[in-house]
PDB file of N, CA and C in Angstrom:
ATOM      1  N   UNK A   1     -31.153 -17.606 -18.508  1.00  0.00           N
ATOM      2  CA  UNK A   1     -32.192 -16.154 -18.895  1.00  0.00           C
ATOM      3  C   UNK A   1     -33.641 -16.547 -19.772  1.00  0.00           C
ATOM      4  N   UNK A   2     -34.046 -16.148 -18.339  1.00  0.00           N
ATOM      5  CA  UNK A   2     -35.889 -16.052 -20.001  1.00  0.00           C
ATOM      6  C   UNK A   2     -36.004 -14.320 -20.191  1.00  0.00           C
ATOM      7  N   UNK A   3     -37.246 -14.938 -21.158  1.00  0.00           N
ATOM      8  CA  UNK A   3     -37.643 -14.089 -21.751  1.00  0.00           C
ATOM      9  C   UNK A   3     -37.669 -12.850 -21.380  1.00  0.00           C
ATOM     10  N   UNK A   4     -38.352 -13.154 -20.450  1.00  0.00           N
ATOM     11  CA  UNK A   4     -38.437 -11.584 -19.726  1.00  0.00           C
ATOM     12  C   UNK A   4     -37.190 -10.694 -18.670  1.00  0.00           C
ATOM     13  N   UNK A   5     -36.590 -11.234 -18.343  1.00  0.00           N
ATOM     14  CA  UNK A   5     -35.022 -10.838 -17.723  1.00  0.00           C
ATOM     15  C   UNK A   5     -34.409 -10.531 -18.963  1.00  0.00           C
ATOM     16  N   UNK A   6     -34.208 -10.774 -20.411  1.00  0.00           N
ATOM     17  CA  UNK A   6     -33.495 -10.423 -21.612  1.00  0.00           C
ATOM     18  C   UNK A   6     -34.338  -9.577 -22.036  1.00  0.00           C
ATOM     19  N   UNK A   7     -34.952  -8.961 -22.631  1.00  0.00           N
ATOM     20  CA  UNK A   7     -35.358  -7.852 -22.742  1.00  0.00           C
ATOM     21  C   UNK A   7     -35.673  -7.005 -21.667  1.00  0.00           C
ATOM     22  N   UNK A   8     -35.132  -7.314 -20.398  1.00  0.00           N
ATOM     23  CA  UNK A   8     -35.188  -6.307 -19.528  1.00  0.00           C
ATOM     24  C   UNK A   8     -33.956  -5.173 -19.658  1.00  0.00           C
ATOM     25  N   UNK A   9     -33.180  -6.819 -19.931  1.00  0.00           N
ATOM     26  CA  UNK A   9     -31.375  -6.504 -19.467  1.00  0.00           C
ATOM     27  C   UNK A   9     -31.774  -5.321 -21.154  1.00  0.00           C
ATOM     28  N   UNK A  10     -32.354  -5.634 -22.456  1.00  0.00           N
ATOM     29  CA  UNK A  10     -31.652  -4.615 -23.390  1.00  0.00           C
ATOM     30  C   UNK A  10     -32.457  -3.378 -23.232  1.00  0.00           C
ATOM     31  N   UNK A  11     -33.786  -4.161 -22.944  1.00  0.00           N
ATOM     32  CA  UNK A  11     -33.982  -1.845 -22.581  1.00  0.00           C
ATOM     33  C   UNK A  11     -33.533  -1.081 -21.851  1.00  0.00           C
ATOM     34  N   UNK A  12     -33.307  -2.308 -20.896  1.00  0.00           N
ATOM     35  CA  UNK A  12     -32.221  -1.443 -19.888  1.00  0.00           C
ATOM     36  C   UNK A  12     -30.857  -0.702 -20.102  1.00  0.00           C
ATOM     37  N   UNK A  13     -30.771  -1.554 -21.003  1.00  0.00           N
ATOM     38  CA  UNK A  13     -28.481  -0.734 -22.074  1.00  0.00           C
ATOM     39  C   UNK A  13     -29.161  -0.140 -22.380  1.00  0.00           C
ATOM     40  N   UNK A  14     -30.335  -0.393 -23.626  1.00  0.00           N
ATOM     41  CA  UNK A  14     -30.694   0.958 -24.488  1.00  0.00           C
ATOM     42  C   UNK A  14     -30.707   2.265 -23.372  1.00  0.00           C
ATOM     43  N   UNK A  15     -32.129   2.553 -22.966  1.00  0.00           N
ATOM     44  CA  UNK A  15     -31.945   3.079 -22.144  1.00  0.00           C
ATOM     45  C   UNK A  15     -30.492   4.473 -21.824  1.00  0.00           C
ATOM     46  N   UNK A  16     -30.058   3.345 -20.873  1.00  0.00           N
ATOM     47  CA  UNK A  16     -28.659   3.919 -20.555  1.00  0.00           C
ATOM     48  C   UNK A  16     -27.628   4.623 -21.638  1.00  0.00           C
ATOM     49  N   UNK A  17     -27.401   3.465 -22.093  1.00  0.00           N
ATOM     50  CA  UNK A  17     -26.985   4.166 -23.609  1.00  0.00           C
ATOM     51  C   UNK A  17     -27.001   4.383 -24.136  1.00  0.00           C
ATOM     52  N   UNK A  18     -28.252   5.577 -23.702  1.00  0.00           N
ATOM     53  CA  UNK A  18     -28.961   7.175 -24.084  1.00  0.00           C
ATOM     54  C   UNK A  18     -28.301   8.151 -23.790  1.00  0.00           C
ATOM     55  N   UNK A  19     -27.919   7.807 -22.932  1.00  0.00           N
ATOM     56  CA  UNK A  19     -26.875   9.254 -22.269  1.00  0.00           C
ATOM     57  C   UNK A  19     -25.414   8.959 -22.973  1.00  0.00           C
ATOM     58  N   UNK A  20     -24.569   8.292 -23.503  1.00  0.00           N
ATOM     59  CA  UNK A  20     -23.624   7.779 -23.737  1.00  0.00           C
ATOM     60  C   UNK A  20     -23.212   9.161 -24.589  1.00  0.00           C
ATOM     61  N   UNK A  21     -23.606   8.898 -25.263  1.00  0.00           N
ATOM     62  CA  UNK A  21     -24.336  10.409 -26.826  1.00  0.00           C
ATOM     63  C   UNK A  21     -23.854  11.860 -25.909  1.00  0.00           C
ATOM     64  N   UNK A  22     -24.792  12.368 -25.225  1.00  0.00           N
ATOM     65  CA  UNK A  22     -24.733  13.574 -24.229  1.00  0.00           C
ATOM     66  C   UNK A  22     -23.085  13.651 -23.149  1.00  0.00           C
ATOM     67  N   UNK A  23     -22.681  12.951 -22.834  1.00  0.00           N
ATOM     68  CA  UNK A  23     -21.889  12.592 -21.571  1.00  0.00           C
ATOM     69  C   UNK A  23     -20.477  13.197 -22.851  1.00  0.00           C
ATOM     70  N   UNK A  24     -20.255  12.407 -23.647  1.00  0.00           N
ATOM     71  CA  UNK A  24     -18.915  12.463 -24.518  1.00  0.00           C
ATOM     72  C   UNK A  24     -18.666  14.251 -25.521  1.00  0.00           C
ATOM     73  N   UNK A  25     -20.054  14.421 -25.184  1.00  0.00           N
ATOM     74  CA  UNK A  25     -20.606  15.432 -26.442  1.00  0.00           C
ATOM     75  C   UNK A  25     -20.157  17.246 -25.249  1.00  0.00           C
ATOM     76  N   UNK A  26     -21.177  16.391 -24.315  1.00  0.00           N
ATOM     77  CA  UNK A  26     -20.275  17.908 -23.006  1.00  0.00           C
ATOM     78  C   UNK A  26     -18.687  17.704 -22.469  1.00  0.00           C
ATOM     79  N   UNK A  27     -18.121  16.372 -22.880  1.00  0.00           N
ATOM     80  CA  UNK A  27     -16.985  15.869 -21.968  1.00  0.00           C
ATOM     81  C   UNK A  27     -15.999  16.762 -23.532  1.00  0.00           C
ATOM     82  N   UNK A  28     -16.375  16.706 -24.646  1.00  0.00           N
ATOM     83  CA  UNK A  28     -15.021  16.892 -25.493  1.00  0.00           C
ATOM     84  C   UNK A  28     -15.944  18.193 -26.017  1.00  0.00           C
ATOM     85  N   UNK A  29     -17.112  19.092 -25.630  1.00  0.00           N
ATOM     86  CA  UNK A  29     -17.157  20.481 -26.238  1.00  0.00           C
ATOM     87  C   UNK A  29     -17.109  20.984 -24.978  1.00  0.00           C
ATOM     88  N   UNK A  30     -16.738  20.460 -24.036  1.00  0.00           N
ATOM     89  CA  UNK A  30     -16.454  21.599 -22.554  1.00  0.00           C
ATOM     90  C   UNK A  30     -17.167  22.998 -22.371  1.00  0.00           C
ATOM     91  N   UNK A  31     -18.409  22.026 -23.452  1.00  0.00           N
ATOM     92  CA  UNK A  31     -20.416  22.510 -22.888  1.00  0.00           C
ATOM     93  C   UNK A  31     -21.143  22.327 -22.107  1.00  0.00           C
ATOM     94  N   UNK A  32     -22.298  22.699 -21.254  1.00  0.00           N
ATOM     95  CA  UNK A  32     -23.195  22.083 -20.396  1.00  0.00           C
ATOM     96  C   UNK A  32     -23.909  22.828 -20.748  1.00  0.00           C
ATOM     97  N   UNK A  33     -23.955  23.812 -22.221  1.00  0.00           N
ATOM     98  CA  UNK A  33     -24.651  25.325 -21.396  1.00  0.00           C
ATOM     99  C   UNK A  33     -25.971  24.832 -21.495  1.00  0.00           C
ATOM    100  N   UNK A  34     -26.606  23.934 -22.457  1.00  0.00           N
ATOM    101  CA  UNK A  34     -27.897  23.809 -22.365  1.00  0.00           C
ATOM    102  C   UNK A  34     -28.364  22.626 -21.818  1.00  0.00           C
ATOM    103  N   UNK A  35     -27.913  22.675 -20.900  1.00  0.00           N
ATOM    104  CA  UNK A  35     -28.056  20.904 -20.134  1.00  0.00           C
ATOM    105  C   UNK A  35     -28.977  21.914 -19.173  1.00  0.00           C
ATOM    106  N   UNK A  36     -30.085  21.299 -18.695  1.00  0.00           N
ATOM    107  CA  UNK A  36     -31.238  22.069 -17.710  1.00  0.00           C
ATOM    108  C   UNK A  36     -30.814  21.482 -16.056  1.00  0.00           C
ATOM    109  N   UNK A  37     -30.388  21.843 -15.472  1.00  0.00           N
ATOM    110  CA  UNK A  37     -29.825  22.015 -14.168  1.00  0.00           C
ATOM    111  C   UNK A  37     -31.246  20.613 -13.539  1.00  0.00           C
ATOM    112  N   UNK A  38     -32.785  21.158 -13.511  1.00  0.00           N
ATOM    113  CA  UNK A  38     -33.551  21.083 -13.502  1.00  0.00           C
ATOM    114  C   UNK A  38     -33.777  20.069 -13.818  1.00  0.00           C
ATOM    115  N   UNK A  39     -34.063  18.982 -14.855  1.00  0.00           N
ATOM    116  CA  UNK A  39     -34.168  18.387 -15.976  1.00  0.00           C
ATOM    117  C   UNK A  39     -33.176  17.753 -15.052  1.00  0.00           C
ATOM    118  N   UNK A  40     -32.037  17.421 -15.250  1.00  0.00           N
ATOM    119  CA  UNK A  40     -31.161  16.765 -14.975  1.00  0.00           C
ATOM    120  C   UNK A  40     -31.454  16.227 -13.268  1.00  0.00           C
ATOM    121  N   UNK A  41     -32.263  17.103 -12.775  1.00  0.00           N
ATOM    122  CA  UNK A  41     -31.561  17.215 -11.022  1.00  0.00           C
ATOM    123  C   UNK A  41     -33.030  16.253 -10.989  1.00  0.00           C
ATOM    124  N   UNK A  42     -34.538  16.224 -12.218  1.00  0.00           N
ATOM    125  CA  UNK A  42     -35.460  15.596 -11.642  1.00  0.00           C
ATOM    126  C   UNK A  42     -35.436  14.231 -12.170  1.00  0.00           C
ATOM    127  N   UNK A  43     -34.419  14.229 -12.913  1.00  0.00           N
ATOM    128  CA  UNK A  43     -34.518  13.386 -13.207  1.00  0.00           C
ATOM    129  C   UNK A  43     -33.621  11.564 -12.946  1.00  0.00           C
ATOM    130  N   UNK A  44     -32.007  12.324 -11.912  1.00  0.00           N
ATOM    131  CA  UNK A  44     -31.689  11.201 -11.253  1.00  0.00           C
ATOM    132  C   UNK A  44     -32.884  10.983 -10.054  1.00  0.00           C
ATOM    133  N   UNK A  45     -33.900  12.256  -9.435  1.00  0.00           N
ATOM    134  CA  UNK A  45     -34.136  12.086  -8.178  1.00  0.00           C
ATOM    135  C   UNK A  45     -35.422  10.468  -9.253  1.00  0.00           C
ATOM    136  N   UNK A  46     -35.920  11.341 -10.222  1.00  0.00           N
ATOM    137  CA  UNK A  46     -36.180   9.151 -11.131  1.00  0.00           C
ATOM    138  C   UNK A  46     -36.206   8.008 -11.053  1.00  0.00           C
ATOM    139  N   UNK A  47     -34.881   8.565 -11.309  1.00  0.00           N
ATOM    140  CA  UNK A  47     -34.004   7.449 -11.401  1.00  0.00           C
ATOM    141  C   UNK A  47     -33.454   6.509 -10.421  1.00  0.00           C
ATOM    142  N   UNK A  48     -33.444   7.371  -9.318  1.00  0.00           N
ATOM    143  CA  UNK A  48     -33.257   6.460  -7.930  1.00  0.00           C
ATOM    144  C   UNK A  48     -34.113   5.892  -7.321  1.00  0.00           C
ATOM    145  N   UNK A  49     -35.465   6.244  -7.762  1.00  0.00           N
ATOM    146  CA  UNK A  49     -36.528   6.135  -7.382  1.00  0.00           C
ATOM    147  C   UNK A  49     -36.372   4.136  -7.990  1.00  0.00           C
ATOM    148  N   UNK A  50     -36.261   4.357  -9.361  1.00  0.00           N
ATOM    149  CA  UNK A  50     -36.490   3.427 -10.264  1.00  0.00           C
ATOM    150  C   UNK A  50     -36.054   2.394  -9.852  1.00  0.00           C
ATOM    151  N   UNK A  51     -34.663   2.790  -9.597  1.00  0.00           N
ATOM    152  CA  UNK A  51     -33.931   1.871  -8.022  1.00  0.00           C
ATOM    153  C   UNK A  51     -34.374   0.928  -6.875  1.00  0.00           C
ATOM    154  N   UNK A  52     -34.486   2.269  -6.046  1.00  0.00           N
ATOM    155  CA  UNK A  52     -35.615   1.687  -5.165  1.00  0.00           C
ATOM    156  C   UNK A  52     -36.430   0.541  -5.322  1.00  0.00           C
ATOM    157  N   UNK A  53     -37.658   0.789  -6.507  1.00  0.00           N
ATOM    158  CA  UNK A  53     -38.479  -0.093  -7.413  1.00  0.00           C
ATOM    159  C   UNK A  53     -37.279  -1.545  -7.602  1.00  0.00           C
ATOM    160  N   UNK A  54     -36.931  -1.016  -8.300  1.00  0.00           N
ATOM    161  CA  UNK A  54     -36.250  -1.908  -8.957  1.00  0.00           C
ATOM    162  C   UNK A  54     -35.404  -3.566  -7.200  1.00  0.00           C
ATOM    163  N   UNK A  55     -35.003  -2.650  -6.348  1.00  0.00           N
ATOM    164  CA  UNK A  55     -34.221  -3.312  -5.255  1.00  0.00           C
ATOM    165  C   UNK A  55     -35.542  -4.252  -4.792  1.00  0.00           C
ATOM    166  N   UNK A  56     -36.665  -3.353  -4.314  1.00  0.00           N
ATOM    167  CA  UNK A  56     -37.893  -4.231  -3.828  1.00  0.00           C
ATOM    168  C   UNK A  56     -38.549  -5.455  -4.385  1.00  0.00           C
ATOM    169  N   UNK A  57     -38.661  -5.395  -5.416  1.00  0.00           N
ATOM    170  CA  UNK A  57     -38.201  -6.251  -6.203  1.00  0.00           C
ATOM    171  C   UNK A  57     -37.691  -7.223  -6.722  1.00  0.00           C
ATOM    172  N   UNK A  58     -36.652  -7.093  -6.448  1.00  0.00           N
ATOM    173  CA  UNK A  58     -35.171  -7.992  -6.941  1.00  0.00           C
ATOM    174  C   UNK A  58     -34.825  -8.048  -8.155  1.00  0.00           C
ATOM    175  N   UNK A  59     -35.256  -6.699  -9.564  1.00  0.00           N
ATOM    176  CA  UNK A  59     -35.348  -6.782 -10.651  1.00  0.00           C
ATOM    177  C   UNK A  59     -34.024  -6.533 -11.198  1.00  0.00           C
ATOM    178  N   UNK A  60     -33.229  -6.948 -11.433  1.00  0.00           N
ATOM    179  CA  UNK A  60     -31.762  -7.124 -12.361  1.00  0.00           C
ATOM    180  C   UNK A  60     -31.772  -6.765 -12.981  1.00  0.00           C
ATOM    181  N   UNK A  61     -32.494  -5.910 -14.084  1.00  0.00           N
ATOM    182  CA  UNK A  61     -32.192  -5.572 -15.214  1.00  0.00           C
ATOM    183  C   UNK A  61     -32.616  -4.346 -14.978  1.00  0.00           C
ATOM    184  N   UNK A  62     -33.777  -3.601 -14.110  1.00  0.00           N
ATOM    185  CA  UNK A  62     -33.849  -2.533 -13.158  1.00  0.00           C
ATOM    186  C   UNK A  62     -33.305  -2.064 -12.586  1.00  0.00           C
ATOM    187  N   UNK A  63     -32.226  -3.243 -11.390  1.00  0.00           N
ATOM    188  CA  UNK A  63     -31.486  -2.575 -10.841  1.00  0.00           C
ATOM    189  C   UNK A  63     -30.101  -1.705 -11.708  1.00  0.00           C
ATOM    190  N   UNK A  64     -29.715  -3.247 -12.284  1.00  0.00           N
ATOM    191  CA  UNK A  64     -28.667  -2.755 -13.312  1.00  0.00           C
ATOM    192  C   UNK A  64     -28.246  -1.437 -14.242  1.00  0.00           C
ATOM    193  N   UNK A  65     -30.327  -1.039 -15.099  1.00  0.00           N
ATOM    194  CA  UNK A  65     -29.648   0.275 -15.553  1.00  0.00           C
ATOM    195  C   UNK A  65     -30.472   1.865 -14.909  1.00  0.00           C
ATOM    196  N   UNK A  66     -30.482   1.488 -13.870  1.00  0.00           N
ATOM    197  CA  UNK A  66     -30.493   2.858 -13.193  1.00  0.00           C
ATOM    198  C   UNK A  66     -29.386   2.661 -12.511  1.00  0.00           C
ATOM    199  N   UNK A  67     -28.745   1.849 -11.826  1.00  0.00           N
ATOM    200  CA  UNK A  67     -26.934   1.801 -11.518  1.00  0.00           C
ATOM    201  C   UNK A  67     -26.403   2.933 -12.286  1.00  0.00           C
ATOM    202  N   UNK A  68     -26.724   1.900 -12.795  1.00  0.00           N
ATOM    203  CA  UNK A  68     -25.276   3.057 -14.211  1.00  0.00           C
ATOM    204  C   UNK A  68     -25.973   4.250 -14.519  1.00  0.00           C
ATOM    205  N   UNK A  69     -27.706   4.479 -15.464  1.00  0.00           N
ATOM    206  CA  UNK A  69     -27.764   5.790 -15.376  1.00  0.00           C
ATOM    207  C   UNK A  69     -27.753   6.740 -14.212  1.00  0.00           C
ATOM    208  N   UNK A  70     -27.858   6.201 -12.818  1.00  0.00           N
ATOM    209  CA  UNK A  70     -27.155   6.970 -12.030  1.00  0.00           C
ATOM    210  C   UNK A  70     -25.861   7.654 -12.788  1.00  0.00           C
ATOM    211  N   UNK A  71     -24.486   7.332 -12.253  1.00  0.00           N
ATOM    212  CA  UNK A  71     -23.254   7.567 -12.317  1.00  0.00           C
ATOM    213  C   UNK A  71     -23.640   8.361 -13.569  1.00  0.00           C
ATOM    214  N   UNK A  72     -24.000   8.138 -15.428  1.00  0.00           N
ATOM    215  CA  UNK A  72     -24.063   8.707 -16.367  1.00  0.00           C
ATOM    216  C   UNK A  72     -24.723  10.405 -15.990  1.00  0.00           C
ATOM    217  N   UNK A  73     -25.491   9.894 -15.093  1.00  0.00           N
ATOM    218  CA  UNK A  73     -26.007  11.824 -15.082  1.00  0.00           C
ATOM    219  C   UNK A  73     -25.179  12.419 -13.575  1.00  0.00           C
ATOM    220  N   UNK A  74     -24.325  11.685 -12.963  1.00  0.00           N
ATOM    221  CA  UNK A  74     -23.691  12.347 -12.277  1.00  0.00           C
ATOM    222  C   UNK A  74     -22.954  13.262 -12.861  1.00  0.00           C
ATOM    223  N   UNK A  75     -22.333  11.945 -14.020  1.00  0.00           N
ATOM    224  CA  UNK A  75     -20.802  12.943 -14.373  1.00  0.00           C
ATOM    225  C   UNK A  75     -21.409  13.775 -15.133  1.00  0.00           C
ATOM    226  N   UNK A  76     -22.866  14.064 -16.225  1.00  0.00           N
ATOM    227  CA  UNK A  76     -23.797  15.663 -16.510  1.00  0.00           C
ATOM    228  C   UNK A  76     -22.944  15.975 -15.289  1.00  0.00           C
ATOM    229  N   UNK A  77     -24.049  16.778 -14.459  1.00  0.00           N
ATOM    230  CA  UNK A  77     -23.830  16.901 -13.310  1.00  0.00           C
ATOM    231  C   UNK A  77     -22.630  17.940 -13.394  1.00  0.00           C
ATOM    232  N   UNK A  78     -21.986  16.916 -12.678  1.00  0.00           N
ATOM    233  CA  UNK A  78     -20.242  17.420 -12.828  1.00  0.00           C
ATOM    234  C   UNK A  78     -19.550  18.577 -14.039  1.00  0.00           C
ATOM    235  N   UNK A  79     -20.181  17.817 -15.082  1.00  0.00           N
ATOM    236  CA  UNK A  79     -19.295  18.848 -15.804  1.00  0.00           C
ATOM    237  C   UNK A  79     -20.597  20.029 -16.161  1.00  0.00           C
ATOM    238  N   UNK A  80     -21.560  20.014 -15.616  1.00  0.00           N
ATOM    239  CA  UNK A  80     -22.157  20.668 -16.081  1.00  0.00           C
ATOM    240  C   UNK A  80     -21.948  21.646 -15.304  1.00  0.00           C
ATOM    241  N   UNK A  81     -21.752  21.643 -14.417  1.00  0.00           N
ATOM    242  CA  UNK A  81     -20.872  22.634 -13.303  1.00  0.00           C
ATOM    243  C   UNK A  81     -19.733  22.691 -13.065  1.00  0.00           C
ATOM    244  N   UNK A  82     -18.794  21.871 -13.599  1.00  0.00           N
ATOM    245  CA  UNK A  82     -17.442  22.513 -13.954  1.00  0.00           C
ATOM    246  C   UNK A  82     -17.501  23.480 -14.928  1.00  0.00           C
ATOM    247  N   UNK A  83     -18.095  22.670 -15.803  1.00  0.00           N
ATOM    248  CA  UNK A  83     -17.748  23.449 -17.293  1.00  0.00           C
ATOM    249  C   UNK A  83     -19.209  25.441 -17.497  1.00  0.00           C
ATOM    250  N   UNK A  84     -19.702  25.539 -15.888  1.00  0.00           N
ATOM    251  CA  UNK A  84     -20.399  26.440 -15.937  1.00  0.00           C
ATOM    252  C   UNK A  84     -19.327  27.296 -15.619  1.00  0.00           C
ATOM    253  N   UNK A  85     -18.728  27.155 -14.609  1.00  0.00           N
ATOM    254  CA  UNK A  85     -17.583  27.894 -14.095  1.00  0.00           C
ATOM    255  C   UNK A  85     -16.796  28.065 -14.167  1.00  0.00           C
ATOM    256  N   UNK A  86     -15.932  27.246 -15.211  1.00  0.00           N
ATOM    257  CA  UNK A  86     -15.395  27.724 -15.492  1.00  0.00           C
ATOM    258  C   UNK A  86     -15.499  28.939 -16.731  1.00  0.00           C
ATOM    259  N   UNK A  87     -16.777  29.228 -17.032  1.00  0.00           N
ATOM    260  CA  UNK A  87     -16.778  30.163 -18.451  1.00  0.00           C
ATOM    261  C   UNK A  87     -17.732  31.308 -17.785  1.00  0.00           C
ATOM    262  N   UNK A  88     -17.840  31.272 -16.413  1.00  0.00           N
ATOM    263  CA  UNK A  88     -18.190  32.243 -16.123  1.00  0.00           C
ATOM    264  C   UNK A  88     -16.451  32.924 -15.530  1.00  0.00           C
ATOM    265  N   UNK A  89     -15.883  32.545 -15.024  1.00  0.00           N
ATOM    266  CA  UNK A  89     -15.068  33.594 -15.018  1.00  0.00           C
ATOM    267  C   UNK A  89     -14.479  33.660 -15.858  1.00  0.00           C
ATOM    268  N   UNK A  90     -13.989  32.961 -16.908  1.00  0.00           N
ATOM    269  CA  UNK A  90     -14.450  34.022 -17.992  1.00  0.00           C
ATOM    270  C   UNK A  90     -14.073  35.105 -18.059  1.00  0.00           C
ATOM    271  N   UNK A  91     -15.296  35.383 -17.987  1.00  0.00           N
ATOM    272  CA  UNK A  91     -16.217  36.448 -19.020  1.00  0.00           C
ATOM    273  C   UNK A  91     -15.757  38.191 -17.885  1.00  0.00           C
TER     274      UNK A  91
END
């Protein structure tokens, strides 16, 4: 594995891992009130485009990082929808 691929994998891992604390906090607090649907949707679209770009240029670091990030953002969207719906029903 060359240095460029190694740097890409490390960068992808770190930027993807940055979502883990938010997913964990949302999961444990059962609250996603401060997370914007708009931000998540725009970010998801952007990550989807990065994934397509990575596939077009056949870049494993870009593909892997964006696949995992899409999964984490999807989890946040599901949790936000679920917790917002539950909090609305309790009012």
